[in-house]
PDB file of all heavy atoms in Angstrom:
ATOM      1  N   TYR A   1     150.898-210.731  60.101  1.00  0.00           N
ATOM      2  CA  TYR A   1     151.305-209.515  59.402  1.00  0.00           C
ATOM      3  C   TYR A   1     152.216-208.674  60.286  1.00  0.00           C
ATOM      4  O   TYR A   1     152.231-208.787  61.514  1.00  0.00           O
ATOM      5  CB  TYR A   1     150.093-208.714  58.920  1.00  0.00           C
ATOM      6  CG  TYR A   1     149.287-208.028  60.004  1.00  0.00           C
ATOM      7  CD1 TYR A   1     149.490-206.684  60.310  1.00  0.00           C
ATOM      8  CD2 TYR A   1     148.291-208.707  60.699  1.00  0.00           C
ATOM      9  CE1 TYR A   1     148.744-206.043  61.279  1.00  0.00           C
ATOM     10  CE2 TYR A   1     147.528-208.069  61.677  1.00  0.00           C
ATOM     11  CZ  TYR A   1     147.761-206.737  61.955  1.00  0.00           C
ATOM     12  OH  TYR A   1     147.016-206.109  62.935  1.00  0.00           O
ATOM     13  N   ILE A   2     153.012-207.842  59.613  1.00  0.00           N
ATOM     14  CA  ILE A   2     153.950-206.911  60.240  1.00  0.00           C
ATOM     15  C   ILE A   2     153.599-205.514  59.749  1.00  0.00           C
ATOM     16  O   ILE A   2     153.290-205.330  58.567  1.00  0.00           O
ATOM     17  CB  ILE A   2     155.403-207.253  59.848  1.00  0.00           C
ATOM     18  CG1 ILE A   2     155.834-208.587  60.467  1.00  0.00           C
ATOM     19  CG2 ILE A   2     156.376-206.145  60.237  1.00  0.00           C
ATOM     20  CD1 ILE A   2     157.143-209.135  59.895  1.00  0.00           C
ATOM     21  N   ASN A   3     153.624-204.532  60.639  1.00  0.00           N
ATOM     22  CA  ASN A   3     153.387-203.146  60.241  1.00  0.00           C
ATOM     23  C   ASN A   3     154.689-202.350  60.232  1.00  0.00           C
ATOM     24  O   ASN A   3     155.468-202.409  61.196  1.00  0.00           O
ATOM     25  CB  ASN A   3     152.413-202.458  61.204  1.00  0.00           C
ATOM     26  CG  ASN A   3     150.965-202.865  60.981  1.00  0.00           C
ATOM     27  OD1 ASN A   3     150.591-203.313  59.893  1.00  0.00           O
ATOM     28  ND2 ASN A   3     150.131-202.704  61.999  1.00  0.00           N
ATOM     29  N   ILE A   4     154.899-201.622  59.144  1.00  0.00           N
ATOM     30  CA  ILE A   4     155.952-200.608  59.091  1.00  0.00           C
ATOM     31  C   ILE A   4     155.258-199.277  58.827  1.00  0.00           C
ATOM     32  O   ILE A   4     155.035-198.893  57.671  1.00  0.00           O
ATOM     33  CB  ILE A   4     157.004-200.889  57.999  1.00  0.00           C
ATOM     34  CG1 ILE A   4     157.550-202.307  58.101  1.00  0.00           C
ATOM     35  CG2 ILE A   4     158.141-199.873  58.099  1.00  0.00           C
ATOM     36  CD1 ILE A   4     158.564-202.652  57.003  1.00  0.00           C
ATOM     37  N   PRO A   5     154.847-198.573  59.871  1.00  0.00           N
ATOM     38  CA  PRO A   5     154.142-197.310  59.666  1.00  0.00           C
ATOM     39  C   PRO A   5     155.080-196.243  59.104  1.00  0.00           C
ATOM     40  O   PRO A   5     156.234-196.132  59.528  1.00  0.00           O
ATOM     41  CB  PRO A   5     153.657-196.941  61.071  1.00  0.00           C
ATOM     42  CG  PRO A   5     154.593-197.648  61.996  1.00  0.00           C
ATOM     43  CD  PRO A   5     154.997-198.910  61.299  1.00  0.00           C
ATOM     44  N   THR A   6     154.579-195.473  58.158  1.00  0.00           N
ATOM     45  CA  THR A   6     155.417-194.485  57.479  1.00  0.00           C
ATOM     46  C   THR A   6     154.971-193.057  57.738  1.00  0.00           C
ATOM     47  O   THR A   6     155.597-192.122  57.247  1.00  0.00           O
ATOM     48  CB  THR A   6     155.418-194.737  55.961  1.00  0.00           C
ATOM     49  OG1 THR A   6     154.071-194.653  55.475  1.00  0.00           O
ATOM     50  CG2 THR A   6     155.991-196.102  55.633  1.00  0.00           C
ATOM     51  N   THR A   7     153.869-192.881  58.474  1.00  0.00           N
ATOM     52  CA  THR A   7     153.421-191.548  58.862  1.00  0.00           C
ATOM     53  C   THR A   7     153.461-191.442  60.376  1.00  0.00           C
ATOM     54  O   THR A   7     153.425-192.448  61.089  1.00  0.00           O
ATOM     55  CB  THR A   7     151.987-191.261  58.382  1.00  0.00           C
ATOM     56  OG1 THR A   7     151.085-192.144  59.067  1.00  0.00           O
ATOM     57  CG2 THR A   7     151.858-191.465  56.876  1.00  0.00           C
ATOM     58  N   LEU A   8     153.505-190.226  60.868  1.00  0.00           N
ATOM     59  CA  LEU A   8     153.510-190.030  62.318  1.00  0.00           C
ATOM     60  C   LEU A   8     152.214-190.557  62.922  1.00  0.00           C
ATOM     61  O   LEU A   8     152.215-191.168  63.991  1.00  0.00           O
ATOM     62  CB  LEU A   8     153.694-188.542  62.636  1.00  0.00           C
ATOM     63  CG  LEU A   8     153.844-188.179  64.112  1.00  0.00           C
ATOM     64  CD1 LEU A   8     154.990-188.940  64.757  1.00  0.00           C
ATOM     65  CD2 LEU A   8     154.031-186.674  64.273  1.00  0.00           C
ATOM     66  N   LEU A   9     151.093-190.342  62.230  1.00  0.00           N
ATOM     67  CA  LEU A   9     149.802-190.815  62.722  1.00  0.00           C
ATOM     68  C   LEU A   9     149.803-192.329  62.906  1.00  0.00           C
ATOM     69  O   LEU A   9     149.365-192.849  63.936  1.00  0.00           O
ATOM     70  CB  LEU A   9     148.691-190.397  61.758  1.00  0.00           C
ATOM     71  CG  LEU A   9     147.275-190.821  62.141  1.00  0.00           C
ATOM     72  CD1 LEU A   9     146.841-190.167  63.438  1.00  0.00           C
ATOM     73  CD2 LEU A   9     146.293-190.480  61.025  1.00  0.00           C
ATOM     74  N   SER A  10     150.299-193.041  61.920  1.00  0.00           N
ATOM     75  CA  SER A  10     150.281-194.498  62.028  1.00  0.00           C
ATOM     76  C   SER A  10     151.306-195.008  63.035  1.00  0.00           C
ATOM     77  O   SER A  10     151.104-196.034  63.672  1.00  0.00           O
ATOM     78  CB  SER A  10     150.506-195.150  60.655  1.00  0.00           C
ATOM     79  OG  SER A  10     151.715-194.741  60.071  1.00  0.00           O
ATOM     80  N   MET A  11     152.408-194.273  63.215  1.00  0.00           N
ATOM     81  CA  MET A  11     153.413-194.709  64.197  1.00  0.00           C
ATOM     82  C   MET A  11     152.867-194.660  65.620  1.00  0.00           C
ATOM     83  O   MET A  11     153.065-195.580  66.406  1.00  0.00           O
ATOM     84  CB  MET A  11     154.661-193.818  64.110  1.00  0.00           C
ATOM     85  CG  MET A  11     155.527-194.107  62.909  1.00  0.00           C
ATOM     86  SD  MET A  11     157.011-193.083  62.899  1.00  0.00           S
ATOM     87  CE  MET A  11     157.656-193.483  61.266  1.00  0.00           C
ATOM     88  N   VAL A  12     152.174-193.573  65.950  1.00  0.00           N
ATOM     89  CA  VAL A  12     151.752-193.390  67.338  1.00  0.00           C
ATOM     90  C   VAL A  12     150.339-193.881  67.597  1.00  0.00           C
ATOM     91  O   VAL A  12     149.917-193.957  68.749  1.00  0.00           O
ATOM     92  CB  VAL A  12     151.863-191.908  67.775  1.00  0.00           C
ATOM     93  CG1 VAL A  12     153.295-191.430  67.667  1.00  0.00           C
ATOM     94  CG2 VAL A  12     150.942-191.012  66.968  1.00  0.00           C
ATOM     95  N   ASP A  13     149.615-194.242  66.520  1.00  0.00           N
ATOM     96  CA  ASP A  13     148.223-194.615  66.742  1.00  0.00           C
ATOM     97  C   ASP A  13     147.810-195.847  65.949  1.00  0.00           C
ATOM     98  O   ASP A  13     147.662-196.933  66.502  1.00  0.00           O
ATOM     99  CB  ASP A  13     147.307-193.436  66.390  1.00  0.00           C
ATOM    100  CG  ASP A  13     145.849-193.718  66.707  1.00  0.00           C
ATOM    101  OD1 ASP A  13     145.555-194.087  67.860  1.00  0.00           O
ATOM    102  OD2 ASP A  13     144.997-193.578  65.818  1.00  0.00           O
ATOM    103  N   ALA A  14     147.627-195.706  64.643  1.00  0.00           N
ATOM    104  CA  ALA A  14     146.927-196.740  63.877  1.00  0.00           C
ATOM    105  C   ALA A  14     147.615-198.094  63.882  1.00  0.00           C
ATOM    106  O   ALA A  14     146.954-199.137  63.957  1.00  0.00           O
ATOM    107  CB  ALA A  14     146.722-196.258  62.429  1.00  0.00           C
ATOM    108  N   SER A  15     148.950-198.110  63.801  1.00  0.00           N
ATOM    109  CA  SER A  15     149.644-199.391  63.631  1.00  0.00           C
ATOM    110  C   SER A  15     149.845-200.145  64.936  1.00  0.00           C
ATOM    111  O   SER A  15     150.215-201.307  64.933  1.00  0.00           O
ATOM    112  CB  SER A  15     151.005-199.156  62.965  1.00  0.00           C
ATOM    113  OG  SER A  15     151.867-198.486  63.857  1.00  0.00           O
ATOM    114  N   VAL A  16     149.604-199.476  66.074  1.00  0.00           N
ATOM    115  CA  VAL A  16     149.861-200.052  67.391  1.00  0.00           C
ATOM    116  C   VAL A  16     148.534-200.352  68.086  1.00  0.00           C
ATOM    117  O   VAL A  16     147.627-199.524  68.083  1.00  0.00           O
ATOM    118  CB  VAL A  16     150.684-199.071  68.256  1.00  0.00           C
ATOM    119  CG1 VAL A  16     150.889-199.622  69.650  1.00  0.00           C
ATOM    120  CG2 VAL A  16     152.022-198.761  67.593  1.00  0.00           C
ATOM    121  N   GLY A  17     148.410-201.541  68.644  1.00  0.00           N
ATOM    122  CA  GLY A  17     147.233-201.825  69.455  1.00  0.00           C
ATOM    123  C   GLY A  17     146.256-202.827  68.883  1.00  0.00           C
ATOM    124  O   GLY A  17     145.313-203.232  69.564  1.00  0.00           O
ATOM    125  N   GLY A  18     146.439-203.218  67.626  1.00  0.00           N
ATOM    126  CA  GLY A  18     145.665-204.330  67.092  1.00  0.00           C
ATOM    127  C   GLY A  18     144.299-203.998  66.528  1.00  0.00           C
ATOM    128  O   GLY A  18     143.542-204.894  66.151  1.00  0.00           O
ATOM    129  N   LYS A  19     143.940-202.708  66.439  1.00  0.00           N
ATOM    130  CA  LYS A  19     142.671-202.364  65.792  1.00  0.00           C
ATOM    131  C   LYS A  19     142.878-202.365  64.285  1.00  0.00           C
ATOM    132  O   LYS A  19     143.775-201.712  63.767  1.00  0.00           O
ATOM    133  CB  LYS A  19     142.183-200.987  66.248  1.00  0.00           C
ATOM    134  CG  LYS A  19     141.529-200.976  67.613  1.00  0.00           C
ATOM    135  CD  LYS A  19     140.922-199.609  67.900  1.00  0.00           C
ATOM    136  CE  LYS A  19     140.183-199.586  69.211  1.00  0.00           C
ATOM    137  NZ  LYS A  19     139.591-198.260  69.497  1.00  0.00           N
ATOM    138  N   THR A  20     142.040-203.118  63.580  1.00  0.00           N
ATOM    139  CA  THR A  20     142.091-203.147  62.119  1.00  0.00           C
ATOM    140  C   THR A  20     140.694-202.854  61.597  1.00  0.00           C
ATOM    141  O   THR A  20     139.716-202.997  62.323  1.00  0.00           O
ATOM    142  CB  THR A  20     142.546-204.523  61.599  1.00  0.00           C
ATOM    143  OG1 THR A  20     141.481-205.471  61.832  1.00  0.00           O
ATOM    144  CG2 THR A  20     143.806-205.001  62.299  1.00  0.00           C
ATOM    145  N   GLY A  21     140.589-202.447  60.329  1.00  0.00           N
ATOM    146  CA  GLY A  21     139.242-202.253  59.813  1.00  0.00           C
ATOM    147  C   GLY A  21     139.165-201.351  58.603  1.00  0.00           C
ATOM    148  O   GLY A  21     140.170-200.846  58.089  1.00  0.00           O
ATOM    149  N   ILE A  22     137.913-201.145  58.177  1.00  0.00           N
ATOM    150  CA  ILE A  22     137.600-200.299  57.030  1.00  0.00           C
ATOM    151  C   ILE A  22     136.411-199.406  57.383  1.00  0.00           C
ATOM    152  O   ILE A  22     135.672-199.657  58.336  1.00  0.00           O
ATOM    153  CB  ILE A  22     137.261-201.138  55.775  1.00  0.00           C
ATOM    154  CG1 ILE A  22     136.056-202.063  56.058  1.00  0.00           C
ATOM    155  CG2 ILE A  22     138.467-201.925  55.296  1.00  0.00           C
ATOM    156  CD1 ILE A  22     135.475-202.709  54.808  1.00  0.00           C
ATOM    157  N   ASN A  23     136.239-198.361  56.587  1.00  0.00           N
ATOM    158  CA  ASN A  23     135.048-197.522  56.704  1.00  0.00           C
ATOM    159  C   ASN A  23     133.896-198.207  55.976  1.00  0.00           C
ATOM    160  O   ASN A  23     134.101-198.947  55.006  1.00  0.00           O
ATOM    161  CB  ASN A  23     135.301-196.147  56.096  1.00  0.00           C
ATOM    162  CG  ASN A  23     136.507-195.443  56.707  1.00  0.00           C
ATOM    163  OD1 ASN A  23     136.859-195.714  57.857  1.00  0.00           O
ATOM    164  ND2 ASN A  23     137.139-194.565  55.958  1.00  0.00           N
ATOM    165  N   PHE A  24     132.673-197.935  56.434  1.00  0.00           N
ATOM    166  CA  PHE A  24     131.513-198.600  55.820  1.00  0.00           C
ATOM    167  C   PHE A  24     130.264-197.770  56.091  1.00  0.00           C
ATOM    168  O   PHE A  24     130.067-197.282  57.203  1.00  0.00           O
ATOM    169  CB  PHE A  24     131.339-200.007  56.402  1.00  0.00           C
ATOM    170  CG  PHE A  24     130.257-200.823  55.748  1.00  0.00           C
ATOM    171  CD1 PHE A  24     130.444-201.372  54.484  1.00  0.00           C
ATOM    172  CD2 PHE A  24     129.039-201.024  56.379  1.00  0.00           C
ATOM    173  CE1 PHE A  24     129.451-202.121  53.873  1.00  0.00           C
ATOM    174  CE2 PHE A  24     128.043-201.776  55.787  1.00  0.00           C
ATOM    175  CZ  PHE A  24     128.244-202.321  54.524  1.00  0.00           C
ATOM    176  N   GLY A  25     129.438-197.611  55.063  1.00  0.00           N
ATOM    177  CA  GLY A  25     128.186-196.891  55.227  1.00  0.00           C
ATOM    178  C   GLY A  25     128.372-195.440  55.637  1.00  0.00           C
ATOM    179  O   GLY A  25     127.533-194.879  56.339  1.00  0.00           O
ATOM    180  N   GLY A  26     129.481-194.841  55.197  1.00  0.00           N
ATOM    181  CA  GLY A  26     129.746-193.450  55.540  1.00  0.00           C
ATOM    182  C   GLY A  26     130.298-193.236  56.927  1.00  0.00           C
ATOM    183  O   GLY A  26     130.463-192.095  57.366  1.00  0.00           O
ATOM    184  N   LEU A  27     130.618-194.322  57.646  1.00  0.00           N
ATOM    185  CA  LEU A  27     131.098-194.218  59.026  1.00  0.00           C
ATOM    186  C   LEU A  27     132.522-194.751  59.136  1.00  0.00           C
ATOM    187  O   LEU A  27     132.879-195.753  58.506  1.00  0.00           O
ATOM    188  CB  LEU A  27     130.181-194.980  59.980  1.00  0.00           C
ATOM    189  CG  LEU A  27     128.730-194.464  60.054  1.00  0.00           C
ATOM    190  CD1 LEU A  27     127.875-195.407  60.879  1.00  0.00           C
ATOM    191  CD2 LEU A  27     128.692-193.062  60.631  1.00  0.00           C
ATOM    192  N   LYS A  28     133.312-194.085  59.965  1.00  0.00           N
ATOM    193  CA  LYS A  28     134.723-194.429  60.141  1.00  0.00           C
ATOM    194  C   LYS A  28     134.874-195.765  60.859  1.00  0.00           C
ATOM    195  O   LYS A  28     134.246-196.021  61.887  1.00  0.00           O
ATOM    196  CB  LYS A  28     135.419-193.343  60.981  1.00  0.00           C
ATOM    197  CG  LYS A  28     135.647-192.042  60.241  1.00  0.00           C
ATOM    198  CD  LYS A  28     136.850-192.110  59.356  1.00  0.00           C
ATOM    199  CE  LYS A  28     138.104-192.331  60.166  1.00  0.00           C
ATOM    200  NZ  LYS A  28     139.307-192.439  59.308  1.00  0.00           N
ATOM    201  N   ASN A  29     135.739-196.631  60.310  1.00  0.00           N
ATOM    202  CA  ASN A  29     136.156-197.872  60.990  1.00  0.00           C
ATOM    203  C   ASN A  29     134.969-198.691  61.507  1.00  0.00           C
ATOM    204  O   ASN A  29     135.016-199.266  62.588  1.00  0.00           O
ATOM    205  CB  ASN A  29     137.100-197.539  62.161  1.00  0.00           C
ATOM    206  CG  ASN A  29     138.330-196.779  61.705  1.00  0.00           C
ATOM    207  OD1 ASN A  29     138.878-197.047  60.649  1.00  0.00           O
ATOM    208  ND2 ASN A  29     138.751-195.808  62.489  1.00  0.00           N
ATOM    209  N   GLU A  30     133.929-198.765  60.695  1.00  0.00           N
ATOM    210  CA  GLU A  30     132.691-199.425  61.116  1.00  0.00           C
ATOM    211  C   GLU A  30     132.835-200.949  61.161  1.00  0.00           C
ATOM    212  O   GLU A  30     132.187-201.621  61.953  1.00  0.00           O
ATOM    213  CB  GLU A  30     131.559-199.031  60.154  1.00  0.00           C
ATOM    214  CG  GLU A  30     130.192-199.545  60.522  1.00  0.00           C
ATOM    215  CD  GLU A  30     129.509-198.755  61.641  1.00  0.00           C
ATOM    216  OE1 GLU A  30     130.189-197.949  62.319  1.00  0.00           O
ATOM    217  OE2 GLU A  30     128.308-198.971  61.844  1.00  0.00           O
ATOM    218  N   ILE A  31     133.691-201.496  60.286  1.00  0.00           N
ATOM    219  CA  ILE A  31     133.886-202.945  60.218  1.00  0.00           C
ATOM    220  C   ILE A  31     135.347-203.259  60.509  1.00  0.00           C
ATOM    221  O   ILE A  31     136.242-202.664  59.911  1.00  0.00           O
ATOM    222  CB  ILE A  31     133.527-203.496  58.810  1.00  0.00           C
ATOM    223  CG1 ILE A  31     132.151-203.009  58.349  1.00  0.00           C
ATOM    224  CG2 ILE A  31     133.603-205.018  58.810  1.00  0.00           C
ATOM    225  CD1 ILE A  31     130.996-203.509  59.176  1.00  0.00           C
ATOM    226  N   GLY A  32     135.602-204.195  61.442  1.00  0.00           N
ATOM    227  CA  GLY A  32     136.991-204.536  61.725  1.00  0.00           C
ATOM    228  C   GLY A  32     137.096-205.558  62.845  1.00  0.00           C
ATOM    229  O   GLY A  32     136.085-206.016  63.387  1.00  0.00           O
TER     230      GLY A  32
END
């Protein structure tokens, strides 16, 4: 996969570094 981040948050954080995931059980990024 390729990321094209479109927000400042995703440019400097979410899209870089290889962390992927979803929220689960009311907790942030619990599964990934």
